[in-house]
């Protein structure tokens, strides 16, 4: 099992040391989020400060950026890292697209499907020298002169994954992507009853083996060297569960546990401005549904119990400002857990 941690994103001068430390500790990769800061810039720094780490956006918001812009970013990061970049894309919700990014809204799944097809058409043009002639409903790319073609690189174009919660995006990931990035707001039952069957159906339809499709994430981890550290991380996670639970897009997960009323209550509290009271609504039982909880010396077995057969990689950290302090022996124990994924296929990435 792979294990990823976050990079600091508030100051690019911190990234080199953080990437080197993550590599020294034995993490498989480092990832960035698109919240307060750009997700690509830290990975550019990490690409030059590491030798083996995978570099992942988890996730970059797609629609505010043209596929051509993301194609350039992905190509340059893949080239600089020697083939270690994995592109993670997300659609975000309507309100953020329209009111934060000023991007017109349309049905996200078909648009993101075309977005990924456009990316691969651009990369194929650059990699193989074929004519760029992509015309879809949302995007059109038909001009590529030699002056704008990047220098060749020996690596294949980046693998493409998407963040997914609901059935539509889960199905899209399985049908056209190289992997899926599950949200931490996820439970074992949701993975077993919803994620697993949708992924199996999508992969079967395209003839892709499960070993070539990576499932990442699917829950929070609250750990630390002692009980006090575990409790502190669990308190932070309780806040995140309350926040996500107040948002309609995440309610399919709650419905698996007959917790629709909790989602409605949290949503009403947010509308009333009662942000400070949200965490009180998350019981220990609800916390346990979403979180693997344990000290460093007990965590590996709990991770194995929760994720074996369901996820191929997990998040040691889900926030750049928190990071992870897992010791190398714990990381190695987690990495020894069996997974279904083995490698991305080069043909998939074309």
Protein backbone atom coordinates (compact mmCIF):
# COMPACT_ATOMS: atom_id res chain seq x y z
CA UNK A 1 0.00 0.00 0.00
CA UNK A 2 1.25 3.46 -0.89
CA UNK A 3 1.14 6.28 1.58
CA UNK A 4 1.08 9.95 0.61
CA UNK A 5 1.54 13.08 2.67
CA UNK A 6 1.01 16.77 2.00
CA UNK A 7 3.51 19.47 1.11
CA UNK A 8 3.46 22.93 2.71
CA UNK A 9 1.79 25.39 0.36
CA UNK A 10 1.92 28.67 2.27
CA UNK A 11 5.58 29.33 1.44
CA UNK A 12 7.43 27.83 -1.53
CA UNK A 13 10.72 28.22 0.35
CA UNK A 14 9.57 25.40 2.68
CA UNK A 15 8.95 22.90 -0.08
CA UNK A 16 12.46 21.62 -0.82
CA UNK A 17 13.16 20.64 2.78
CA UNK A 18 9.70 19.13 3.19
CA UNK A 19 10.05 17.03 0.04
CA UNK A 20 13.49 15.81 1.08
CA UNK A 21 12.19 14.91 4.54
CA UNK A 22 9.22 13.01 3.10
CA UNK A 23 11.51 11.06 0.79
CA UNK A 24 13.90 10.28 3.63
CA UNK A 25 11.05 9.06 5.85
CA UNK A 26 9.92 6.68 3.11
CA UNK A 27 6.64 8.17 1.93
CA UNK A 28 5.63 7.11 -1.57
CA UNK A 29 4.53 10.54 -2.66
CA UNK A 30 3.65 14.11 -1.79
CA UNK A 31 0.46 15.86 -2.77
CA UNK A 32 -1.00 19.32 -2.97
CA UNK A 33 -4.53 20.68 -2.68
CA UNK A 34 -6.26 23.62 -4.30
CA UNK A 35 -7.59 25.61 -1.37
CA UNK A 36 -5.70 28.79 -0.50
CA UNK A 37 -2.81 28.27 -2.89
CA UNK A 38 -1.99 26.98 -6.36
CA UNK A 39 -1.42 23.19 -6.38
CA UNK A 40 1.15 23.03 -9.20
CA UNK A 41 3.87 25.39 -8.00
CA UNK A 42 4.96 23.36 -4.93
CA UNK A 43 5.22 20.22 -7.05
CA UNK A 44 7.59 21.99 -9.43
CA UNK A 45 9.87 22.70 -6.49
CA UNK A 46 9.50 19.14 -5.16
CA UNK A 47 10.35 17.69 -8.58
CA UNK A 48 13.82 19.20 -8.36
CA UNK A 49 14.28 18.41 -4.66
CA UNK A 50 13.50 14.66 -4.77
CA UNK A 51 14.44 11.56 -6.70
CA UNK A 52 11.75 8.98 -6.06
CA UNK A 53 8.60 10.62 -4.67
CA UNK A 54 5.44 10.60 -6.72
CA UNK A 55 4.06 14.12 -7.17
CA UNK A 56 0.30 14.46 -7.08
CA UNK A 57 -2.34 17.16 -7.31
CA UNK A 58 -5.14 16.10 -5.00
CA UNK A 59 -6.88 17.82 -6.59
CA UNK A 60 -6.49 20.72 -9.04
CA UNK A 61 -9.77 22.31 -10.07
CA UNK A 62 -10.24 21.66 -13.77
CA UNK A 63 -12.74 24.05 -15.28
CA UNK A 64 -11.07 27.38 -14.42
CA UNK A 65 -8.06 26.18 -16.46
CA UNK A 66 -8.08 25.39 -20.16
CA UNK A 67 -7.02 21.80 -20.92
CA UNK A 68 -4.15 23.34 -22.92
CA UNK A 69 -2.88 25.10 -19.79
CA UNK A 70 -3.07 21.90 -17.75
CA UNK A 71 -1.45 19.92 -20.58
CA UNK A 72 1.55 22.25 -20.40
CA UNK A 73 1.73 22.05 -16.62
CA UNK A 74 1.47 18.27 -16.64
CA UNK A 75 4.05 17.85 -19.39
CA UNK A 76 6.58 20.09 -17.65
CA UNK A 77 6.12 18.41 -14.25
CA UNK A 78 6.35 14.95 -15.80
CA UNK A 79 9.51 15.94 -17.64
CA UNK A 80 11.16 17.62 -14.64
CA UNK A 81 10.40 14.68 -12.34
CA UNK A 82 11.41 11.94 -14.76
CA UNK A 83 7.89 10.53 -14.96
CA UNK A 84 6.76 10.88 -11.33
CA UNK A 85 3.80 13.24 -11.76
CA UNK A 86 0.18 12.07 -11.43
CA UNK A 87 -2.51 14.58 -12.36
CA UNK A 88 -5.51 14.69 -10.06
CA UNK A 89 -8.43 16.80 -11.26
CA UNK A 90 -11.67 17.84 -9.61
CA UNK A 91 -14.80 19.58 -10.78
CA UNK A 92 -15.72 21.52 -7.61
CA UNK A 93 -19.35 22.45 -6.96
CA UNK A 94 -21.42 24.93 -8.92
CA UNK A 95 -21.17 27.79 -6.44
CA UNK A 96 -17.38 27.81 -6.43
CA UNK A 97 -17.17 27.58 -10.22
CA UNK A 98 -19.60 30.40 -10.81
CA UNK A 99 -18.91 32.72 -7.86
CA UNK A 100 -15.28 32.04 -6.89
CA UNK A 101 -13.74 31.23 -10.27
CA UNK A 102 -16.29 33.03 -12.52
CA UNK A 103 -16.60 29.97 -14.76
CA UNK A 104 -19.90 29.10 -16.49
CA UNK A 105 -21.47 25.95 -15.08
CA UNK A 106 -22.58 22.86 -16.96
CA UNK A 107 -23.10 19.22 -16.07
CA UNK A 108 -19.68 18.32 -14.60
CA UNK A 109 -19.29 14.64 -15.51
CA UNK A 110 -19.65 14.93 -19.32
CA UNK A 111 -17.61 18.12 -19.36
CA UNK A 112 -14.80 16.56 -17.33
CA UNK A 113 -14.85 13.48 -19.55
CA UNK A 114 -14.30 15.69 -22.60
CA UNK A 115 -11.67 17.68 -20.70
CA UNK A 116 -9.63 14.51 -20.11
CA UNK A 117 -10.03 13.44 -23.74
CA UNK A 118 -8.76 16.86 -24.83
CA UNK A 119 -5.75 16.59 -22.51
CA UNK A 120 -4.80 13.25 -23.98
CA UNK A 121 -5.26 14.51 -27.53
CA UNK A 122 -2.87 17.37 -26.83
CA UNK A 123 -0.32 15.06 -25.22
CA UNK A 124 -0.63 12.62 -28.12
CA UNK A 125 0.07 15.46 -30.54
CA UNK A 126 3.20 16.42 -28.62
CA UNK A 127 4.36 12.85 -28.02
CA UNK A 128 3.71 11.35 -31.44
CA UNK A 129 3.72 14.36 -33.71
CA UNK A 130 0.13 13.73 -34.80
CA UNK A 131 -2.12 16.55 -35.95
CA UNK A 132 -4.09 18.26 -33.20
CA UNK A 133 -7.72 18.02 -34.21
CA UNK A 134 -9.95 17.83 -31.16
CA UNK A 135 -13.50 19.15 -31.45
CA UNK A 136 -16.05 18.50 -28.73
CA UNK A 137 -19.10 20.10 -27.19
CA UNK A 138 -17.11 22.10 -24.64
CA UNK A 139 -13.58 22.33 -26.03
CA UNK A 140 -11.96 22.76 -29.42
CA UNK A 141 -8.22 22.45 -30.10
CA UNK A 142 -7.09 22.52 -33.71
CA UNK A 143 -3.97 24.70 -33.74
CA UNK A 144 -0.49 23.51 -32.73
CA UNK A 145 2.49 24.94 -34.58
CA UNK A 146 6.06 23.69 -33.96
CA UNK A 147 6.93 26.78 -31.92
CA UNK A 148 4.47 25.71 -29.23
CA UNK A 149 5.33 22.01 -28.99
CA UNK A 150 7.37 21.24 -25.83
CA UNK A 151 10.70 19.45 -26.06
CA UNK A 152 10.41 15.65 -26.20
CA UNK A 153 10.52 13.61 -23.00
CA UNK A 154 11.17 9.89 -22.57
CA UNK A 155 8.37 9.39 -20.02
CA UNK A 156 4.76 8.74 -21.01
CA UNK A 157 2.29 11.57 -20.42
CA UNK A 158 1.01 11.76 -16.83
CA UNK A 159 -1.58 9.39 -15.48
CA UNK A 160 -4.91 11.17 -14.98
CA UNK A 161 -7.10 10.65 -11.93
CA UNK A 162 -10.15 12.52 -10.67
CA UNK A 163 -11.61 13.23 -7.27
CA UNK A 164 -14.97 11.52 -6.82
CA UNK A 165 -17.69 11.18 -4.20
CA UNK A 166 -20.99 10.48 -5.95
CA UNK A 167 -21.89 7.77 -8.47
CA UNK A 168 -21.53 9.96 -11.58
CA UNK A 169 -17.91 10.91 -10.92
CA UNK A 170 -17.03 7.45 -9.64
CA UNK A 171 -18.36 6.00 -12.89
CA UNK A 172 -16.44 8.54 -14.96
CA UNK A 173 -13.21 7.72 -13.14
CA UNK A 174 -13.61 4.01 -13.85
CA UNK A 175 -14.61 4.59 -17.47
CA UNK A 176 -11.91 7.01 -18.65
CA UNK A 177 -9.26 7.62 -15.94
CA UNK A 178 -6.18 5.86 -14.60
CA UNK A 179 -7.42 6.05 -11.03
CA UNK A 180 -9.79 7.68 -8.60
CA UNK A 181 -9.02 9.92 -5.65
CA UNK A 182 -11.61 9.23 -2.99
CA UNK A 183 -12.52 12.02 -0.62
CA UNK A 184 -11.57 11.55 3.06
CA UNK A 185 -15.30 11.94 3.76
CA UNK A 186 -15.81 8.26 3.01
CA UNK A 187 -16.58 5.12 5.00
CA UNK A 188 -15.83 1.44 4.63
CA UNK A 189 -19.48 0.67 3.89
CA UNK A 190 -19.59 3.32 1.17
CA UNK A 191 -16.50 1.85 -0.46
CA UNK A 192 -17.90 -1.67 -0.29
CA UNK A 193 -21.47 -0.90 -1.38
CA UNK A 194 -21.00 2.01 -3.80
CA UNK A 195 -17.39 2.59 -4.87
CA UNK A 196 -16.45 -1.04 -5.48
CA UNK A 197 -19.38 -2.04 -7.72
CA UNK A 198 -19.22 1.18 -9.76
CA UNK A 199 -15.48 0.84 -10.33
CA UNK A 200 -15.81 -2.84 -11.27
CA UNK A 201 -18.54 -2.05 -13.80
CA UNK A 202 -16.59 0.82 -15.38
CA UNK A 203 -13.36 -1.12 -15.65
CA UNK A 204 -15.15 -4.11 -17.10
CA UNK A 205 -16.75 -1.95 -19.75
CA UNK A 206 -13.38 -0.73 -21.01
CA UNK A 207 -11.47 -3.97 -20.47
CA UNK A 208 -9.02 -2.49 -17.97
CA UNK A 209 -7.62 -4.73 -15.24
CA UNK A 210 -8.10 -3.60 -11.68
CA UNK A 211 -4.32 -3.88 -11.20
CA UNK A 212 -3.89 -0.93 -13.59
CA UNK A 213 -6.40 1.34 -11.84
CA UNK A 214 -5.38 3.04 -8.59
CA UNK A 215 -7.88 3.79 -5.82
CA UNK A 216 -6.49 6.39 -3.43
CA UNK A 217 -7.86 7.62 -0.12
CA UNK A 218 -11.24 6.86 1.35
CA UNK A 219 -10.97 8.07 4.94
CA UNK A 220 -9.21 10.14 7.56
CA UNK A 221 -6.35 8.98 9.79
CA UNK A 222 -5.94 10.23 13.36
CA UNK A 223 -2.57 9.18 14.69
CA UNK A 224 0.38 10.38 16.70
CA UNK A 225 3.12 9.22 19.00
CA UNK A 226 0.87 9.37 22.08
CA UNK A 227 -2.79 9.53 23.03
CA UNK A 228 -2.76 13.31 23.35
CA UNK A 229 -1.52 13.72 19.79
CA UNK A 230 -4.13 11.26 18.52
CA UNK A 231 -6.90 13.14 20.34
CA UNK A 232 -5.74 16.47 18.90
CA UNK A 233 -5.84 15.13 15.34
CA UNK A 234 -9.22 13.49 15.98
CA UNK A 235 -10.62 16.83 17.14
CA UNK A 236 -9.50 18.46 13.91
CA UNK A 237 -11.00 15.61 11.87
CA UNK A 238 -14.29 15.92 13.75
CA UNK A 239 -14.46 19.52 12.52
CA UNK A 240 -13.84 18.45 8.92
CA UNK A 241 -16.51 15.74 9.08
CA UNK A 242 -19.01 18.31 10.34
CA UNK A 243 -18.10 20.74 7.58
CA UNK A 244 -18.33 18.18 4.77
CA UNK A 245 -21.47 16.65 6.25
CA UNK A 246 -23.23 20.00 5.95
CA UNK A 247 -22.77 19.97 2.16
CA UNK A 248 -25.34 18.21 -0.01
CA UNK A 249 -22.73 16.79 -2.41
CA UNK A 250 -21.43 14.52 0.35
CA UNK A 251 -24.77 13.20 1.56
CA UNK A 252 -24.67 9.94 -0.46
CA UNK A 253 -22.07 8.77 2.06
CA UNK A 254 -24.31 9.66 5.02
CA UNK A 255 -27.23 7.85 3.39
CA UNK A 256 -25.33 4.57 3.57
CA UNK A 257 -25.56 4.86 7.36
CA UNK A 258 -29.08 6.33 7.64
CA UNK A 259 -27.56 9.64 8.69
CA UNK A 260 -29.51 11.89 6.32
CA UNK A 261 -30.99 13.73 9.31
CA UNK A 262 -27.48 14.61 10.49
CA UNK A 263 -26.70 16.14 7.11
CA UNK A 264 -29.92 18.16 7.15
CA UNK A 265 -29.22 19.41 10.66
CA UNK A 266 -25.64 20.40 9.84
CA UNK A 267 -26.81 22.16 6.68
CA UNK A 268 -29.42 24.13 8.62
CA UNK A 269 -26.80 25.12 11.22
CA UNK A 270 -24.50 26.45 8.50
CA UNK A 271 -27.29 28.48 6.97
CA UNK A 272 -27.97 29.92 10.42
CA UNK A 273 -24.29 30.80 10.84
CA UNK A 274 -23.75 28.36 13.74
CA UNK A 275 -20.30 27.26 12.54
CA UNK A 276 -18.89 27.02 16.06
CA UNK A 277 -21.49 24.42 17.05
CA UNK A 278 -21.07 22.00 14.16
CA UNK A 279 -18.45 19.80 15.79
CA UNK A 280 -20.74 19.02 18.74
CA UNK A 281 -23.00 17.10 16.38
CA UNK A 282 -20.29 14.58 15.42
CA UNK A 283 -20.46 11.71 17.89
CA UNK A 284 -17.64 9.27 18.57
CA UNK A 285 -19.52 6.67 16.51
CA UNK A 286 -19.71 8.99 13.50
CA UNK A 287 -16.05 9.92 13.91
CA UNK A 288 -15.15 6.22 13.85
CA UNK A 289 -17.08 5.64 10.62
CA UNK A 290 -14.80 8.07 8.78
CA UNK A 291 -11.53 7.70 10.65
CA UNK A 292 -8.83 5.16 11.44
CA UNK A 293 -7.72 6.09 14.97
CA UNK A 294 -4.61 4.85 16.76
CA UNK A 295 -1.14 5.67 18.03
CA UNK A 296 1.82 5.03 15.78
CA UNK A 297 2.47 1.69 17.48
CA UNK A 298 -1.06 0.37 16.77
CA UNK A 299 -2.00 2.03 13.50
CA UNK A 300 -0.74 -0.36 10.80
CA UNK A 301 -3.05 -3.22 11.74
CA UNK A 302 -6.02 -0.84 11.85
CA UNK A 303 -5.16 0.54 8.42
CA UNK A 304 -4.98 -3.01 7.09
CA UNK A 305 -8.36 -3.87 8.59
CA UNK A 306 -10.01 -0.76 7.15
CA UNK A 307 -8.47 -0.49 3.68
CA UNK A 308 -7.27 -3.92 2.49
CA UNK A 309 -9.04 -4.79 -0.74
CA UNK A 310 -10.58 -1.32 -0.97
CA UNK A 311 -7.78 1.26 -1.38
CA UNK A 312 -4.33 1.07 -2.91
CA UNK A 313 -2.98 4.24 -1.30
CA UNK A 314 -3.92 6.31 1.74
CA UNK A 315 -3.44 9.85 2.94
CA UNK A 316 -1.20 10.32 5.97
CA UNK A 317 -2.25 13.96 5.90
CA UNK A 318 -5.15 15.77 4.28
CA UNK A 319 -4.12 19.36 5.08
CA UNK A 320 -0.91 21.18 4.10
CA UNK A 321 -0.80 23.02 7.41
CA UNK A 322 -0.79 19.79 9.46
CA UNK A 323 1.52 17.40 7.66
CA UNK A 324 2.35 13.98 9.05
CA UNK A 325 4.86 12.71 11.58
CA UNK A 326 4.65 8.98 10.90
CA UNK A 327 7.98 7.29 11.69
CA UNK A 328 9.74 5.27 8.95
CA UNK A 329 8.92 1.91 10.55
CA UNK A 330 5.19 2.67 10.56
CA UNK A 331 5.35 3.81 6.94
CA UNK A 332 7.12 0.57 6.03
CA UNK A 333 4.49 -1.50 7.88
CA UNK A 334 1.70 0.21 5.96
CA UNK A 335 3.55 -0.28 2.68
CA UNK A 336 3.65 -4.01 3.33
CA UNK A 337 -0.16 -4.23 3.19
CA UNK A 338 -1.38 -6.02 0.07
CA UNK A 339 -3.16 -4.00 -2.62
CA UNK A 340 -4.70 -4.75 -6.02
CA UNK A 341 -2.99 -1.96 -7.96
CA UNK A 342 0.42 -2.62 -9.50
CA UNK A 343 1.11 0.04 -12.16
CA UNK A 344 -0.46 2.47 -14.60
CA UNK A 345 -0.41 1.33 -18.22
CA UNK A 346 1.34 3.46 -20.80
CA UNK A 347 -1.50 2.96 -23.25
CA UNK A 348 -3.97 4.37 -20.72
CA UNK A 349 -2.04 7.58 -20.49
CA UNK A 350 -2.18 8.19 -24.22
